[in-house]
PDB file of N, CA and C in Angstrom:
ATOM      1  N   UNK A   1      -7.600 -59.578 -28.516  1.00  0.00           N
ATOM      2  CA  UNK A   1      -7.088 -59.214 -27.210  1.00  0.00           C
ATOM      3  C   UNK A   1      -7.943 -58.083 -26.641  1.00  0.00           C
ATOM      4  N   UNK A   2      -8.442 -58.244 -25.437  1.00  0.00           N
ATOM      5  CA  UNK A   2      -9.268 -57.252 -24.771  1.00  0.00           C
ATOM      6  C   UNK A   2      -8.408 -56.480 -23.785  1.00  0.00           C
ATOM      7  N   UNK A   3      -8.444 -55.138 -23.901  1.00  0.00           N
ATOM      8  CA  UNK A   3      -7.676 -54.285 -22.978  1.00  0.00           C
ATOM      9  C   UNK A   3      -8.656 -53.396 -22.234  1.00  0.00           C
ATOM     10  N   UNK A   4      -8.473 -53.299 -20.951  1.00  0.00           N
ATOM     11  CA  UNK A   4      -9.329 -52.456 -20.112  1.00  0.00           C
ATOM     12  C   UNK A   4      -8.433 -51.468 -19.381  1.00  0.00           C
ATOM     13  N   UNK A   5      -8.788 -50.212 -19.472  1.00  0.00           N
ATOM     14  CA  UNK A   5      -8.037 -49.171 -18.758  1.00  0.00           C
ATOM     15  C   UNK A   5      -8.738 -48.880 -17.441  1.00  0.00           C
ATOM     16  N   UNK A   6      -8.025 -49.002 -16.370  1.00  0.00           N
ATOM     17  CA  UNK A   6      -8.563 -48.707 -15.048  1.00  0.00           C
ATOM     18  C   UNK A   6      -8.071 -47.347 -14.600  1.00  0.00           C
ATOM     19  N   UNK A   7      -8.949 -46.607 -13.925  1.00  0.00           N
ATOM     20  CA  UNK A   7      -8.546 -45.297 -13.411  1.00  0.00           C
ATOM     21  C   UNK A   7      -8.191 -44.339 -14.530  1.00  0.00           C
ATOM     22  N   UNK A   8      -8.940 -44.381 -15.608  1.00  0.00           N
ATOM     23  CA  UNK A   8      -8.658 -43.556 -16.773  1.00  0.00           C
ATOM     24  C   UNK A   8      -8.785 -42.069 -16.492  1.00  0.00           C
ATOM     25  N   UNK A   9      -8.455 -41.310 -17.495  1.00  0.00           N
ATOM     26  CA  UNK A   9      -8.489 -39.851 -17.392  1.00  0.00           C
ATOM     27  C   UNK A   9      -9.922 -39.362 -17.380  1.00  0.00           C
ATOM     28  N   UNK A  10     -10.095 -38.217 -16.805  1.00  0.00           N
ATOM     29  CA  UNK A  10     -11.385 -37.555 -16.871  1.00  0.00           C
ATOM     30  C   UNK A  10     -11.145 -36.149 -17.406  1.00  0.00           C
ATOM     31  N   UNK A  11     -12.209 -35.488 -17.805  1.00  0.00           N
ATOM     32  CA  UNK A  11     -12.069 -34.117 -18.273  1.00  0.00           C
ATOM     33  C   UNK A  11     -11.804 -33.212 -17.087  1.00  0.00           C
ATOM     34  N   UNK A  12     -10.759 -32.420 -17.201  1.00  0.00           N
ATOM     35  CA  UNK A  12     -10.412 -31.506 -16.118  1.00  0.00           C
ATOM     36  C   UNK A  12     -11.458 -30.403 -16.054  1.00  0.00           C
ATOM     37  N   UNK A  13     -11.836 -30.024 -14.853  1.00  0.00           N
ATOM     38  CA  UNK A  13     -12.835 -28.973 -14.658  1.00  0.00           C
ATOM     39  C   UNK A  13     -12.527 -28.209 -13.383  1.00  0.00           C
ATOM     40  N   UNK A  14     -12.839 -26.928 -13.382  1.00  0.00           N
ATOM     41  CA  UNK A  14     -12.740 -26.115 -12.167  1.00  0.00           C
ATOM     42  C   UNK A  14     -14.071 -26.245 -11.447  1.00  0.00           C
ATOM     43  N   UNK A  15     -14.034 -26.751 -10.227  1.00  0.00           N
ATOM     44  CA  UNK A  15     -15.250 -27.056  -9.474  1.00  0.00           C
ATOM     45  C   UNK A  15     -15.801 -25.863  -8.705  1.00  0.00           C
ATOM     46  N   UNK A  16     -14.960 -24.938  -8.311  1.00  0.00           N
ATOM     47  CA  UNK A  16     -15.405 -23.768  -7.554  1.00  0.00           C
ATOM     48  C   UNK A  16     -16.321 -22.938  -8.445  1.00  0.00           C
ATOM     49  N   UNK A  17     -17.483 -22.536  -7.895  1.00  0.00           N
ATOM     50  CA  UNK A  17     -18.434 -21.749  -8.678  1.00  0.00           C
ATOM     51  C   UNK A  17     -18.447 -20.276  -8.316  1.00  0.00           C
ATOM     52  N   UNK A  18     -18.239 -19.965  -7.048  1.00  0.00           N
ATOM     53  CA  UNK A  18     -18.205 -18.564  -6.634  1.00  0.00           C
ATOM     54  C   UNK A  18     -17.296 -18.411  -5.444  1.00  0.00           C
ATOM     55  N   UNK A  19     -16.869 -17.173  -5.218  1.00  0.00           N
ATOM     56  CA  UNK A  19     -15.953 -16.877  -4.121  1.00  0.00           C
ATOM     57  C   UNK A  19     -16.667 -16.063  -3.051  1.00  0.00           C
ATOM     58  N   UNK A  20     -16.240 -16.213  -1.797  1.00  0.00           N
ATOM     59  CA  UNK A  20     -16.882 -15.464  -0.718  1.00  0.00           C
ATOM     60  C   UNK A  20     -16.610 -13.967  -0.826  1.00  0.00           C
ATOM     61  N   UNK A  21     -17.499 -13.206  -0.244  1.00  0.00           N
ATOM     62  CA  UNK A  21     -17.349 -11.758  -0.171  1.00  0.00           C
ATOM     63  C   UNK A  21     -16.199 -11.426   0.776  1.00  0.00           C
ATOM     64  N   UNK A  22     -15.517 -10.329   0.508  1.00  0.00           N
ATOM     65  CA  UNK A  22     -14.455  -9.862   1.384  1.00  0.00           C
ATOM     66  C   UNK A  22     -14.838  -8.550   2.055  1.00  0.00           C
ATOM     67  N   UNK A  23     -14.048  -8.163   3.035  1.00  0.00           N
ATOM     68  CA  UNK A  23     -14.275  -6.901   3.733  1.00  0.00           C
ATOM     69  C   UNK A  23     -12.956  -6.166   3.862  1.00  0.00           C
ATOM     70  N   UNK A  24     -12.976  -4.854   3.623  1.00  0.00           N
ATOM     71  CA  UNK A  24     -11.774  -4.037   3.736  1.00  0.00           C
ATOM     72  C   UNK A  24     -11.182  -4.205   5.129  1.00  0.00           C
ATOM     73  N   UNK A  25      -9.891  -4.500   5.203  1.00  0.00           N
ATOM     74  CA  UNK A  25      -9.184  -4.614   6.471  1.00  0.00           C
ATOM     75  C   UNK A  25      -9.302  -5.957   7.164  1.00  0.00           C
ATOM     76  N   UNK A  26     -10.079  -6.882   6.607  1.00  0.00           N
ATOM     77  CA  UNK A  26     -10.253  -8.212   7.224  1.00  0.00           C
ATOM     78  C   UNK A  26      -9.563  -9.266   6.356  1.00  0.00           C
ATOM     79  N   UNK A  27      -8.978 -10.261   7.009  1.00  0.00           N
ATOM     80  CA  UNK A  27      -8.285 -11.323   6.281  1.00  0.00           C
ATOM     81  C   UNK A  27      -9.248 -12.034   5.330  1.00  0.00           C
ATOM     82  N   UNK A  28      -8.758 -12.320   4.123  1.00  0.00           N
ATOM     83  CA  UNK A  28      -9.540 -13.019   3.108  1.00  0.00           C
ATOM     84  C   UNK A  28      -8.817 -14.303   2.741  1.00  0.00           C
ATOM     85  N   UNK A  29      -9.566 -15.400   2.624  1.00  0.00           N
ATOM     86  CA  UNK A  29      -8.973 -16.676   2.249  1.00  0.00           C
ATOM     87  C   UNK A  29     -10.005 -17.498   1.483  1.00  0.00           C
ATOM     88  N   UNK A  30      -9.609 -17.960   0.300  1.00  0.00           N
ATOM     89  CA  UNK A  30     -10.456 -18.845  -0.502  1.00  0.00           C
ATOM     90  C   UNK A  30      -9.536 -19.780  -1.268  1.00  0.00           C
ATOM     91  N   UNK A  31      -9.968 -21.014  -1.431  1.00  0.00           N
ATOM     92  CA  UNK A  31      -9.200 -22.002  -2.197  1.00  0.00           C
ATOM     93  C   UNK A  31     -10.027 -22.484  -3.373  1.00  0.00           C
ATOM     94  N   UNK A  32      -9.429 -22.428  -4.558  1.00  0.00           N
ATOM     95  CA  UNK A  32     -10.090 -22.938  -5.749  1.00  0.00           C
ATOM     96  C   UNK A  32      -9.895 -24.443  -5.834  1.00  0.00           C
ATOM     97  N   UNK A  33     -10.880 -25.127  -6.372  1.00  0.00           N
ATOM     98  CA  UNK A  33     -10.816 -26.581  -6.502  1.00  0.00           C
ATOM     99  C   UNK A  33     -11.003 -26.979  -7.955  1.00  0.00           C
ATOM    100  N   UNK A  34     -10.229 -27.963  -8.363  1.00  0.00           N
ATOM    101  CA  UNK A  34     -10.366 -28.503  -9.716  1.00  0.00           C
ATOM    102  C   UNK A  34     -10.404 -30.021  -9.642  1.00  0.00           C
ATOM    103  N   UNK A  35     -10.941 -30.613 -10.683  1.00  0.00           N
ATOM    104  CA  UNK A  35     -11.064 -32.058 -10.764  1.00  0.00           C
ATOM    105  C   UNK A  35     -10.054 -32.584 -11.783  1.00  0.00           C
ATOM    106  N   UNK A  36      -9.433 -33.677 -11.454  1.00  0.00           N
ATOM    107  CA  UNK A  36      -8.578 -34.428 -12.381  1.00  0.00           C
ATOM    108  C   UNK A  36      -7.199 -33.835 -12.611  1.00  0.00           C
ATOM    109  N   UNK A  37      -6.200 -34.462 -12.058  1.00  0.00           N
ATOM    110  CA  UNK A  37      -4.820 -34.237 -12.460  1.00  0.00           C
ATOM    111  C   UNK A  37      -4.400 -32.766 -12.425  1.00  0.00           C
ATOM    112  N   UNK A  38      -4.539 -32.119 -11.272  1.00  0.00           N
ATOM    113  CA  UNK A  38      -4.270 -30.682 -11.158  1.00  0.00           C
ATOM    114  C   UNK A  38      -2.781 -30.393 -11.040  1.00  0.00           C
ATOM    115  N   UNK A  39      -2.316 -29.472 -11.850  1.00  0.00           N
ATOM    116  CA  UNK A  39      -0.929 -29.002 -11.802  1.00  0.00           C
ATOM    117  C   UNK A  39      -0.864 -27.668 -11.088  1.00  0.00           C
ATOM    118  N   UNK A  40      -0.583 -26.596 -11.820  1.00  0.00           N
ATOM    119  CA  UNK A  40      -0.466 -25.269 -11.235  1.00  0.00           C
ATOM    120  C   UNK A  40      -1.613 -24.366 -11.687  1.00  0.00           C
ATOM    121  N   UNK A  41      -1.930 -23.424 -10.812  1.00  0.00           N
ATOM    122  CA  UNK A  41      -2.948 -22.414 -11.104  1.00  0.00           C
ATOM    123  C   UNK A  41      -2.249 -21.142 -11.565  1.00  0.00           C
ATOM    124  N   UNK A  42      -2.915 -20.397 -12.437  1.00  0.00           N
ATOM    125  CA  UNK A  42      -2.392 -19.123 -12.926  1.00  0.00           C
ATOM    126  C   UNK A  42      -3.513 -18.091 -12.976  1.00  0.00           C
ATOM    127  N   UNK A  43      -3.165 -16.846 -12.662  1.00  0.00           N
ATOM    128  CA  UNK A  43      -4.067 -15.727 -12.871  1.00  0.00           C
ATOM    129  C   UNK A  43      -3.873 -15.307 -14.323  1.00  0.00           C
ATOM    130  N   UNK A  44      -4.887 -15.464 -15.144  1.00  0.00           N
ATOM    131  CA  UNK A  44      -4.763 -15.224 -16.574  1.00  0.00           C
ATOM    132  C   UNK A  44      -5.031 -13.760 -16.927  1.00  0.00           C
ATOM    133  N   UNK A  45      -6.091 -13.207 -16.360  1.00  0.00           N
ATOM    134  CA  UNK A  45      -6.425 -11.817 -16.662  1.00  0.00           C
ATOM    135  C   UNK A  45      -7.275 -11.248 -15.539  1.00  0.00           C
ATOM    136  N   UNK A  46      -7.422  -9.927 -15.548  1.00  0.00           N
ATOM    137  CA  UNK A  46      -8.258  -9.267 -14.563  1.00  0.00           C
ATOM    138  C   UNK A  46      -7.469  -8.773 -13.375  1.00  0.00           C
ATOM    139  N   UNK A  47      -8.223  -8.368 -12.344  1.00  0.00           N
ATOM    140  CA  UNK A  47      -7.614  -7.727 -11.183  1.00  0.00           C
ATOM    141  C   UNK A  47      -8.152  -8.314  -9.893  1.00  0.00           C
ATOM    142  N   UNK A  48      -7.243  -8.643  -9.005  1.00  0.00           N
ATOM    143  CA  UNK A  48      -7.624  -9.038  -7.640  1.00  0.00           C
ATOM    144  C   UNK A  48      -7.750  -7.778  -6.797  1.00  0.00           C
ATOM    145  N   UNK A  49      -8.461  -7.860  -5.679  1.00  0.00           N
ATOM    146  CA  UNK A  49      -8.520  -6.694  -4.793  1.00  0.00           C
ATOM    147  C   UNK A  49      -7.111  -6.304  -4.326  1.00  0.00           C
ATOM    148  N   UNK A  50      -6.830  -5.003  -4.213  1.00  0.00           N
ATOM    149  CA  UNK A  50      -5.533  -4.596  -3.669  1.00  0.00           C
ATOM    150  C   UNK A  50      -5.316  -5.223  -2.294  1.00  0.00           C
ATOM    151  N   UNK A  51      -4.126  -5.776  -2.085  1.00  0.00           N
ATOM    152  CA  UNK A  51      -3.801  -6.438  -0.825  1.00  0.00           C
ATOM    153  C   UNK A  51      -4.065  -7.933  -0.829  1.00  0.00           C
ATOM    154  N   UNK A  52      -4.620  -8.446  -1.930  1.00  0.00           N
ATOM    155  CA  UNK A  52      -4.950  -9.866  -2.030  1.00  0.00           C
ATOM    156  C   UNK A  52      -4.098 -10.484  -3.141  1.00  0.00           C
ATOM    157  N   UNK A  53      -3.563 -11.673  -2.881  1.00  0.00           N
ATOM    158  CA  UNK A  53      -2.722 -12.358  -3.848  1.00  0.00           C
ATOM    159  C   UNK A  53      -3.273 -13.724  -4.213  1.00  0.00           C
ATOM    160  N   UNK A  54      -2.648 -14.315  -5.219  1.00  0.00           N
ATOM    161  CA  UNK A  54      -3.081 -15.611  -5.745  1.00  0.00           C
ATOM    162  C   UNK A  54      -1.845 -16.471  -5.933  1.00  0.00           C
ATOM    163  N   UNK A  55      -1.838 -17.708  -5.405  1.00  0.00           N
ATOM    164  CA  UNK A  55      -0.651 -18.548  -5.579  1.00  0.00           C
ATOM    165  C   UNK A  55      -0.929 -19.718  -6.519  1.00  0.00           C
ATOM    166  N   UNK A  56       0.129 -20.440  -6.863  1.00  0.00           N
ATOM    167  CA  UNK A  56      -0.009 -21.506  -7.862  1.00  0.00           C
ATOM    168  C   UNK A  56      -0.696 -22.762  -7.342  1.00  0.00           C
ATOM    169  N   UNK A  57      -1.123 -22.747  -6.071  1.00  0.00           N
ATOM    170  CA  UNK A  57      -1.929 -23.837  -5.522  1.00  0.00           C
ATOM    171  C   UNK A  57      -3.422 -23.517  -5.582  1.00  0.00           C
ATOM    172  N   UNK A  58      -3.773 -22.346  -6.140  1.00  0.00           N
ATOM    173  CA  UNK A  58      -5.172 -21.957  -6.238  1.00  0.00           C
ATOM    174  C   UNK A  58      -5.723 -21.307  -4.987  1.00  0.00           C
ATOM    175  N   UNK A  59      -4.837 -20.779  -4.134  1.00  0.00           N
ATOM    176  CA  UNK A  59      -5.259 -20.120  -2.900  1.00  0.00           C
ATOM    177  C   UNK A  59      -5.239 -18.608  -3.108  1.00  0.00           C
ATOM    178  N   UNK A  60      -6.337 -17.971  -2.745  1.00  0.00           N
ATOM    179  CA  UNK A  60      -6.474 -16.522  -2.818  1.00  0.00           C
ATOM    180  C   UNK A  60      -6.496 -16.033  -1.375  1.00  0.00           C
ATOM    181  N   UNK A  61      -5.546 -15.149  -1.032  1.00  0.00           N
ATOM    182  CA  UNK A  61      -5.482 -14.710   0.365  1.00  0.00           C
ATOM    183  C   UNK A  61      -4.879 -13.318   0.467  1.00  0.00           C
ATOM    184  N   UNK A  62      -5.142 -12.693   1.600  1.00  0.00           N
ATOM    185  CA  UNK A  62      -4.599 -11.380   1.887  1.00  0.00           C
ATOM    186  C   UNK A  62      -5.604 -10.551   2.658  1.00  0.00           C
ATOM    187  N   UNK A  63      -5.333  -9.251   2.722  1.00  0.00           N
ATOM    188  CA  UNK A  63      -6.217  -8.316   3.420  1.00  0.00           C
ATOM    189  C   UNK A  63      -6.611  -7.224   2.419  1.00  0.00           C
ATOM    190  N   UNK A  64      -7.850  -7.257   1.928  1.00  0.00           N
ATOM    191  CA  UNK A  64      -8.275  -6.249   0.959  1.00  0.00           C
ATOM    192  C   UNK A  64      -8.173  -4.836   1.533  1.00  0.00           C
ATOM    193  N   UNK A  65      -7.668  -3.920   0.715  1.00  0.00           N
ATOM    194  CA  UNK A  65      -7.506  -2.543   1.186  1.00  0.00           C
ATOM    195  C   UNK A  65      -8.479  -1.569   0.519  1.00  0.00           C
ATOM    196  N   UNK A  66      -9.311  -2.068  -0.405  1.00  0.00           N
ATOM    197  CA  UNK A  66     -10.258  -1.198  -1.099  1.00  0.00           C
ATOM    198  C   UNK A  66     -11.520  -1.971  -1.436  1.00  0.00           C
ATOM    199  N   UNK A  67     -12.653  -1.311  -1.268  1.00  0.00           N
ATOM    200  CA  UNK A  67     -13.942  -1.920  -1.612  1.00  0.00           C
ATOM    201  C   UNK A  67     -14.145  -1.888  -3.122  1.00  0.00           C
ATOM    202  N   UNK A  68     -14.968  -2.806  -3.613  1.00  0.00           N
ATOM    203  CA  UNK A  68     -15.296  -2.833  -5.030  1.00  0.00           C
ATOM    204  C   UNK A  68     -15.615  -4.238  -5.498  1.00  0.00           C
ATOM    205  N   UNK A  69     -15.838  -4.348  -6.795  1.00  0.00           N
ATOM    206  CA  UNK A  69     -16.069  -5.648  -7.422  1.00  0.00           C
ATOM    207  C   UNK A  69     -14.879  -5.903  -8.328  1.00  0.00           C
ATOM    208  N   UNK A  70     -14.187  -6.994  -8.091  1.00  0.00           N
ATOM    209  CA  UNK A  70     -12.948  -7.316  -8.794  1.00  0.00           C
ATOM    210  C   UNK A  70     -13.154  -8.604  -9.578  1.00  0.00           C
ATOM    211  N   UNK A  71     -12.995  -8.520 -10.893  1.00  0.00           N
ATOM    212  CA  UNK A  71     -13.210  -9.678 -11.752  1.00  0.00           C
ATOM    213  C   UNK A  71     -11.888 -10.128 -12.357  1.00  0.00           C
ATOM    214  N   UNK A  72     -11.776 -11.438 -12.507  1.00  0.00           N
ATOM    215  CA  UNK A  72     -10.540 -12.014 -13.028  1.00  0.00           C
ATOM    216  C   UNK A  72     -10.812 -13.406 -13.553  1.00  0.00           C
ATOM    217  N   UNK A  73      -9.866 -13.910 -14.319  1.00  0.00           N
ATOM    218  CA  UNK A  73      -9.941 -15.264 -14.861  1.00  0.00           C
ATOM    219  C   UNK A  73      -8.721 -16.041 -14.411  1.00  0.00           C
ATOM    220  N   UNK A  74      -8.948 -17.254 -13.951  1.00  0.00           N
ATOM    221  CA  UNK A  74      -7.857 -18.137 -13.552  1.00  0.00           C
ATOM    222  C   UNK A  74      -7.862 -19.369 -14.444  1.00  0.00           C
ATOM    223  N   UNK A  75      -6.730 -20.018 -14.522  1.00  0.00           N
ATOM    224  CA  UNK A  75      -6.623 -21.251 -15.275  1.00  0.00           C
ATOM    225  C   UNK A  75      -5.770 -22.243 -14.517  1.00  0.00           C
ATOM    226  N   UNK A  76      -5.925 -23.506 -14.852  1.00  0.00           N
ATOM    227  CA  UNK A  76      -5.155 -24.554 -14.190  1.00  0.00           C
ATOM    228  C   UNK A  76      -4.574 -25.478 -15.265  1.00  0.00           C
ATOM    229  N   UNK A  77      -3.359 -25.941 -14.998  1.00  0.00           N
ATOM    230  CA  UNK A  77      -2.703 -26.883 -15.900  1.00  0.00           C
ATOM    231  C   UNK A  77      -2.879 -28.293 -15.362  1.00  0.00           C
ATOM    232  N   UNK A  78      -2.542 -29.253 -16.169  1.00  0.00           N
ATOM    233  CA  UNK A  78      -2.493 -30.640 -15.697  1.00  0.00           C
ATOM    234  C   UNK A  78      -1.153 -30.868 -15.003  1.00  0.00           C
ATOM    235  N   UNK A  79      -1.060 -31.878 -14.183  1.00  0.00           N
ATOM    236  CA  UNK A  79       0.165 -32.206 -13.476  1.00  0.00           C
ATOM    237  C   UNK A  79       1.326 -32.292 -14.457  1.00  0.00           C
ATOM    238  N   UNK A  80       2.435 -31.676 -14.068  1.00  0.00           N
ATOM    239  CA  UNK A  80       3.635 -31.691 -14.899  1.00  0.00           C
ATOM    240  C   UNK A  80       3.763 -30.483 -15.795  1.00  0.00           C
ATOM    241  N   UNK A  81       2.692 -29.739 -16.007  1.00  0.00           N
ATOM    242  CA  UNK A  81       2.746 -28.524 -16.818  1.00  0.00           C
ATOM    243  C   UNK A  81       2.936 -27.325 -15.896  1.00  0.00           C
ATOM    244  N   UNK A  82       3.904 -26.491 -16.197  1.00  0.00           N
ATOM    245  CA  UNK A  82       4.225 -25.396 -15.278  1.00  0.00           C
ATOM    246  C   UNK A  82       4.256 -24.031 -15.954  1.00  0.00           C
ATOM    247  N   UNK A  83       3.729 -23.914 -17.157  1.00  0.00           N
ATOM    248  CA  UNK A  83       3.745 -22.633 -17.861  1.00  0.00           C
ATOM    249  C   UNK A  83       2.313 -22.174 -18.122  1.00  0.00           C
ATOM    250  N   UNK A  84       2.070 -20.867 -18.059  1.00  0.00           N
ATOM    251  CA  UNK A  84       0.718 -20.365 -18.336  1.00  0.00           C
ATOM    252  C   UNK A  84       0.193 -20.816 -19.703  1.00  0.00           C
ATOM    253  N   UNK A  85       1.078 -21.030 -20.658  1.00  0.00           N
ATOM    254  CA  UNK A  85       0.642 -21.477 -21.988  1.00  0.00           C
ATOM    255  C   UNK A  85       0.094 -22.910 -21.964  1.00  0.00           C
ATOM    256  N   UNK A  86       0.315 -23.637 -20.862  1.00  0.00           N
ATOM    257  CA  UNK A  86      -0.168 -25.013 -20.730  1.00  0.00           C
ATOM    258  C   UNK A  86      -1.532 -25.111 -20.045  1.00  0.00           C
ATOM    259  N   UNK A  87      -2.158 -23.955 -19.766  1.00  0.00           N
ATOM    260  CA  UNK A  87      -3.452 -23.969 -19.080  1.00  0.00           C
ATOM    261  C   UNK A  87      -4.436 -24.808 -19.886  1.00  0.00           C
ATOM    262  N   UNK A  88      -5.064 -25.748 -19.193  1.00  0.00           N
ATOM    263  CA  UNK A  88      -5.987 -26.692 -19.813  1.00  0.00           C
ATOM    264  C   UNK A  88      -7.436 -26.212 -19.735  1.00  0.00           C
ATOM    265  N   UNK A  89      -7.777 -25.548 -18.655  1.00  0.00           N
ATOM    266  CA  UNK A  89      -9.147 -25.086 -18.447  1.00  0.00           C
ATOM    267  C   UNK A  89      -9.092 -23.778 -17.661  1.00  0.00           C
ATOM    268  N   UNK A  90     -10.011 -22.867 -17.936  1.00  0.00           N
ATOM    269  CA  UNK A  90     -10.034 -21.582 -17.234  1.00  0.00           C
ATOM    270  C   UNK A  90     -11.465 -21.223 -16.860  1.00  0.00           C
ATOM    271  N   UNK A  91     -11.591 -20.260 -15.935  1.00  0.00           N
ATOM    272  CA  UNK A  91     -12.920 -19.864 -15.467  1.00  0.00           C
ATOM    273  C   UNK A  91     -12.835 -18.457 -14.887  1.00  0.00           C
ATOM    274  N   UNK A  92     -13.883 -17.673 -15.102  1.00  0.00           N
ATOM    275  CA  UNK A  92     -13.954 -16.319 -14.558  1.00  0.00           C
ATOM    276  C   UNK A  92     -14.594 -16.282 -13.183  1.00  0.00           C
ATOM    277  N   UNK A  93     -14.117 -15.358 -12.357  1.00  0.00           N
ATOM    278  CA  UNK A  93     -14.644 -15.187 -11.001  1.00  0.00           C
ATOM    279  C   UNK A  93     -14.738 -13.701 -10.675  1.00  0.00           C
ATOM    280  N   UNK A  94     -15.453 -13.417  -9.597  1.00  0.00           N
ATOM    281  CA  UNK A  94     -15.448 -12.067  -9.049  1.00  0.00           C
ATOM    282  C   UNK A  94     -15.392 -12.157  -7.528  1.00  0.00           C
ATOM    283  N   UNK A  95     -14.740 -11.162  -6.951  1.00  0.00           N
ATOM    284  CA  UNK A  95     -14.720 -11.015  -5.504  1.00  0.00           C
ATOM    285  C   UNK A  95     -15.333  -9.640  -5.211  1.00  0.00           C
ATOM    286  N   UNK A  96     -16.368  -9.625  -4.394  1.00  0.00           N
ATOM    287  CA  UNK A  96     -16.984  -8.378  -3.953  1.00  0.00           C
ATOM    288  C   UNK A  96     -16.386  -8.050  -2.597  1.00  0.00           C
ATOM    289  N   UNK A  97     -15.807  -6.858  -2.482  1.00  0.00           N
ATOM    290  CA  UNK A  97     -15.230  -6.399  -1.219  1.00  0.00           C
ATOM    291  C   UNK A  97     -16.060  -5.215  -0.730  1.00  0.00           C
ATOM    292  N   UNK A  98     -16.545  -5.306   0.504  1.00  0.00           N
ATOM    293  CA  UNK A  98     -17.344  -4.242   1.104  1.00  0.00           C
ATOM    294  C   UNK A  98     -16.526  -3.501   2.159  1.00  0.00           C
ATOM    295  N   UNK A  99     -16.986  -2.297   2.504  1.00  0.00           N
ATOM    296  CA  UNK A  99     -16.310  -1.491   3.540  1.00  0.00           C
ATOM    297  C   UNK A  99     -16.431  -2.165   4.891  1.00  0.00           C
TER     298      UNK A  99
END
């Protein structure tokens, strides 16, 4: 018996490679992208710029209130997983905020 799987699974990966620069007092918006069966995003470690937040859809937004280089790691789960312990893949990023 021959079985063929159509639309099979792929390895989940975070596609975003870098984030745009921010400016103190100006609105900041960036969306992270992942491939294959994306569930929820989590901030795993590090620090976002003050005034900037991160939601479970992978959107980083807000108004930075301080200049600097802010490094952090995010992770994403597969669909149906809703706990940080279920993170399937993670990646480090930095946001540079200028005056």
